[in-house]
Amino acid sequence: MGTYQKGIMGAFSGTIGTVIGGSWRDIDYMRSRPTIRKRTPTEKQLDQQARFTTAVEFETTMTGLLETSFKNYAVKMSGYNSALSYNLKNAITGKYPDYSIDYSVALISRGKLPNAVSPAATVTGDTVFFTWMDNSGTAEAKPDDAAILVMHCAALKTTFYTLNGGTRNSGAGNIDATIFKGNTVQTWLGFISANGELVANSFYTGELTVS
């Protein structure tokens, strides 16, 4: 709301009707209030919005993980935004408006640390078991690198993960999947160095049904 300063013909501050009044360097001014234009989005804009929404819905279930697992690529941005940028570009599949995540292509961790050899995931009851072959000594891979174990349930819009799922030389780790009972989950395996500085590209270990 505007306030008159010097009567009806004087200066005023604020908005009155379609006019904005104010002062800049002791100079009183008035200008028209900008018109808000409601434009119908183009097909291209709608397409981009649909892709973006699909990626965001997937990644917001694992924000905490991505801040760590994409830290090596978080240049002038957060780990979450780095992951969003990667998966938006590489892991969206389908046609407008029915987009989805190609889980086999999506990364939930990214870096130059080697992943393990022959990673796999199986489920028994309400527990998901991950196995891999130790490849310590390959490039910067070390026996005490920690496994990153991840389960994502699209139906429940929930992701469970651990950054301490067993050491590389142990060859195995597991994660409780009780909350996902009766649902399918997508699974990934990655690694992070003991000092937290190096991360491996995640490996998609498949879809499982938790019984």
Protein backbone atom coordinates (compact mmCIF):
# COMPACT_ATOMS: atom_id res chain seq x y z
CA MET A 1 0.00 0.00 0.00
CA GLY A 2 1.28 3.47 -0.88
CA THR A 3 1.68 6.39 1.52
CA TYR A 4 1.17 10.01 0.43
CA GLN A 5 3.99 12.32 1.51
CA LYS A 6 2.88 15.83 0.41
CA GLY A 7 -0.78 15.74 -0.39
CA ILE A 8 -2.57 14.52 -3.44
CA MET A 9 -0.13 16.10 -5.90
CA GLY A 10 2.98 15.22 -3.89
CA ALA A 11 5.34 12.30 -3.88
CA PHE A 12 4.32 8.97 -2.43
CA SER A 13 5.98 5.71 -1.49
CA GLY A 14 4.66 2.28 -2.34
CA THR A 15 2.01 1.04 -4.73
CA ILE A 16 -1.28 2.75 -5.47
CA GLY A 17 -3.37 1.10 -8.12
CA THR A 18 -1.13 0.48 -11.12
CA VAL A 19 1.51 3.03 -10.07
CA ILE A 20 4.62 2.50 -7.95
CA GLY A 21 6.16 5.48 -6.17
CA GLY A 22 9.51 5.79 -4.47
CA SER A 23 12.69 7.77 -4.06
CA TRP A 24 16.20 7.21 -5.39
CA ARG A 25 19.06 9.53 -4.42
CA ASP A 26 16.53 12.07 -3.11
CA ILE A 27 14.68 12.04 -6.45
CA ASP A 28 11.01 11.12 -6.28
CA TYR A 29 9.80 8.88 -9.07
CA MET A 30 6.73 7.05 -10.26
CA ARG A 31 6.51 4.10 -12.64
CA SER A 32 3.91 1.70 -13.84
CA ARG A 33 3.56 -1.61 -12.08
CA PRO A 34 4.76 -4.37 -14.42
CA THR A 35 2.10 -6.48 -16.05
CA ILE A 36 2.19 -10.14 -15.11
CA ARG A 37 1.91 -12.14 -18.28
CA LYS A 38 0.41 -15.57 -18.09
CA ARG A 39 1.87 -17.50 -20.99
CA THR A 40 0.94 -21.01 -21.92
CA PRO A 41 4.12 -23.14 -21.75
CA THR A 42 5.38 -24.55 -25.04
CA GLU A 43 5.54 -28.29 -25.74
CA LYS A 44 9.30 -28.14 -25.29
CA GLN A 45 8.94 -26.49 -21.90
CA LEU A 46 6.37 -29.06 -20.79
CA ASP A 47 8.69 -31.83 -21.94
CA GLN A 48 11.62 -30.39 -19.96
CA GLN A 49 9.43 -29.95 -16.89
CA ALA A 50 8.29 -33.59 -17.06
CA ARG A 51 11.87 -34.84 -17.36
CA PHE A 52 13.00 -32.65 -14.49
CA THR A 53 10.14 -33.76 -12.24
CA THR A 54 10.94 -37.42 -12.90
CA ALA A 55 14.60 -36.95 -11.96
CA VAL A 56 13.81 -34.87 -8.87
CA GLU A 57 11.27 -37.37 -7.52
CA PHE A 58 13.91 -40.09 -7.76
CA GLU A 59 16.79 -38.14 -6.25
CA THR A 60 15.00 -36.43 -3.39
CA THR A 61 14.65 -39.86 -1.76
CA MET A 62 18.43 -40.03 -1.34
CA THR A 63 19.64 -36.45 -0.91
CA GLY A 64 21.93 -37.27 2.02
CA LEU A 65 23.64 -40.06 0.09
CA LEU A 66 24.21 -37.97 -3.02
CA GLU A 67 25.88 -35.15 -1.10
CA THR A 68 28.63 -37.66 -0.27
CA SER A 69 28.54 -40.05 -3.21
CA PHE A 70 28.80 -37.28 -5.85
CA LYS A 71 31.21 -35.06 -3.91
CA ASN A 72 34.02 -35.59 -6.44
CA TYR A 73 31.88 -34.02 -9.17
CA ALA A 74 30.26 -31.30 -7.09
CA VAL A 75 32.16 -28.39 -8.67
CA LYS A 76 30.47 -25.09 -7.71
CA MET A 77 27.32 -27.07 -6.89
CA SER A 78 26.02 -29.54 -4.33
CA GLY A 79 26.45 -33.28 -4.67
CA TYR A 80 22.69 -33.53 -5.09
CA ASN A 81 22.69 -31.09 -8.02
CA SER A 82 25.64 -32.88 -9.61
CA ALA A 83 23.74 -36.18 -9.45
CA LEU A 84 20.58 -34.52 -10.72
CA SER A 85 22.44 -33.10 -13.69
CA TYR A 86 23.99 -36.47 -14.56
CA ASN A 87 20.83 -38.55 -14.24
CA LEU A 88 18.65 -35.95 -15.96
CA LYS A 89 20.96 -36.16 -18.95
CA ASN A 90 21.58 -39.90 -18.98
CA ALA A 91 18.93 -41.87 -17.07
CA ILE A 92 15.55 -40.54 -18.26
CA THR A 93 13.65 -42.90 -20.53
CA GLY A 94 10.24 -42.87 -22.22
CA LYS A 95 8.24 -40.30 -24.12
CA TYR A 96 6.36 -37.25 -22.92
CA PRO A 97 4.48 -37.28 -20.64
CA ASP A 98 5.36 -40.81 -19.49
CA TYR A 99 8.97 -40.53 -18.38
CA SER A 100 10.70 -42.87 -15.93
CA ILE A 101 14.17 -43.66 -14.61
CA ASP A 102 16.31 -46.22 -16.41
CA TYR A 103 17.75 -47.72 -13.22
CA SER A 104 20.38 -49.70 -15.11
CA VAL A 105 21.90 -46.44 -16.33
CA ALA A 106 21.32 -44.19 -13.32
CA LEU A 107 24.25 -43.55 -11.00
CA ILE A 108 23.85 -43.15 -7.25
CA SER A 109 27.58 -42.64 -6.74
CA ARG A 110 30.23 -41.34 -9.10
CA GLY A 111 34.00 -41.21 -9.02
CA LYS A 112 37.27 -42.70 -10.19
CA LEU A 113 37.71 -45.29 -7.45
CA PRO A 114 37.35 -48.79 -8.98
CA ASN A 115 34.18 -50.67 -8.13
CA ALA A 116 34.47 -54.32 -7.17
CA VAL A 117 34.40 -57.25 -9.60
CA SER A 118 31.20 -59.26 -10.24
CA PRO A 119 28.87 -57.37 -7.89
CA ALA A 120 25.47 -58.99 -7.30
CA ALA A 121 22.44 -58.68 -5.04
CA THR A 122 19.96 -61.29 -3.81
CA VAL A 123 17.11 -61.25 -1.32
CA THR A 124 16.22 -63.74 1.38
CA GLY A 125 13.16 -62.89 3.42
CA ASP A 126 13.46 -59.25 4.43
CA THR A 127 17.21 -58.91 3.93
CA VAL A 128 19.06 -57.94 0.76
CA PHE A 129 22.51 -59.51 0.42
CA PHE A 130 25.28 -58.01 -1.73
CA THR A 131 28.33 -59.95 -2.88
CA TRP A 132 31.41 -59.05 -4.91
CA MET A 133 34.94 -60.21 -5.67
CA ASP A 134 37.74 -58.37 -3.95
CA ASN A 135 39.97 -56.48 -6.37
CA SER A 136 42.13 -54.65 -3.87
CA GLY A 137 45.31 -53.37 -5.45
CA THR A 138 43.64 -52.45 -8.74
CA ALA A 139 44.48 -48.79 -9.32
CA GLU A 140 43.48 -47.04 -6.06
CA ALA A 141 41.24 -49.84 -4.75
CA LYS A 142 42.15 -50.79 -1.17
CA PRO A 143 41.03 -53.57 1.16
CA ASP A 144 39.44 -51.15 3.62
CA ASP A 145 37.28 -49.30 1.07
CA ALA A 146 33.68 -49.33 2.36
CA ALA A 147 30.78 -50.69 0.32
CA ILE A 148 27.86 -48.37 -0.44
CA LEU A 149 24.69 -50.48 -0.46
CA VAL A 150 21.51 -48.91 -1.84
CA MET A 151 17.85 -49.98 -2.18
CA HIS A 152 15.22 -47.77 -3.82
CA CYS A 153 11.48 -48.46 -3.82
CA ALA A 154 9.60 -46.35 -6.36
CA ALA A 155 6.20 -47.42 -5.02
CA LEU A 156 7.01 -46.07 -1.55
CA LYS A 157 9.20 -43.22 -2.83
CA THR A 158 11.86 -44.30 -0.34
CA THR A 159 15.56 -45.13 -0.51
CA PHE A 160 17.54 -46.99 2.14
CA TYR A 161 21.33 -47.03 2.02
CA THR A 162 24.46 -47.50 4.05
CA LEU A 163 27.93 -46.08 3.52
CA ASN A 164 29.42 -48.84 5.65
CA GLY A 165 28.15 -52.04 4.07
CA GLY A 166 31.34 -54.05 4.56
CA THR A 167 34.93 -53.65 3.40
CA ARG A 168 36.09 -54.40 -0.12
CA ASN A 169 38.12 -57.39 1.03
CA SER A 170 35.16 -58.89 2.93
CA GLY A 171 33.34 -59.60 -0.33
CA ALA A 172 29.86 -59.29 1.17
CA GLY A 173 27.40 -57.05 2.97
CA ASN A 174 23.68 -56.82 3.65
CA ILE A 175 20.94 -54.33 4.44
CA ASP A 176 17.60 -54.72 6.22
CA ALA A 177 14.68 -54.40 3.80
CA THR A 178 11.81 -54.97 6.23
CA ILE A 179 10.15 -51.66 5.35
CA PHE A 180 9.93 -52.77 1.71
CA LYS A 181 8.18 -56.07 2.43
CA GLY A 182 5.87 -56.98 -0.45
CA ASN A 183 7.44 -54.43 -2.81
CA THR A 184 10.10 -54.43 -5.51
CA VAL A 185 13.34 -52.55 -4.96
CA GLN A 186 16.13 -51.38 -7.24
CA THR A 187 19.64 -52.05 -5.94
CA TRP A 188 23.12 -50.61 -6.45
CA LEU A 189 26.61 -51.22 -5.11
CA GLY A 190 29.36 -48.62 -4.87
CA PHE A 191 32.51 -47.99 -2.83
CA ILE A 192 34.03 -45.13 -0.88
CA SER A 193 37.58 -44.97 0.43
CA ALA A 194 38.22 -45.23 4.17
CA ASN A 195 39.12 -41.53 4.34
CA GLY A 196 35.98 -40.58 2.42
CA GLU A 197 37.91 -38.85 -0.36
CA LEU A 198 37.42 -41.27 -3.27
CA VAL A 199 34.18 -42.72 -4.60
CA ALA A 200 33.42 -45.37 -7.22
CA ASN A 201 30.79 -45.29 -9.95
CA SER A 202 27.85 -47.33 -8.67
CA PHE A 203 26.94 -50.64 -10.29
CA TYR A 204 23.27 -51.53 -10.78
CA THR A 205 22.69 -54.93 -9.19
CA GLY A 206 19.11 -55.39 -10.34
CA GLU A 207 15.49 -55.42 -9.25
CA LEU A 208 14.42 -57.63 -6.33
CA THR A 209 11.11 -58.41 -4.64
CA VAL A 210 11.17 -58.34 -0.86
CA SER A 211 8.95 -61.13 0.48
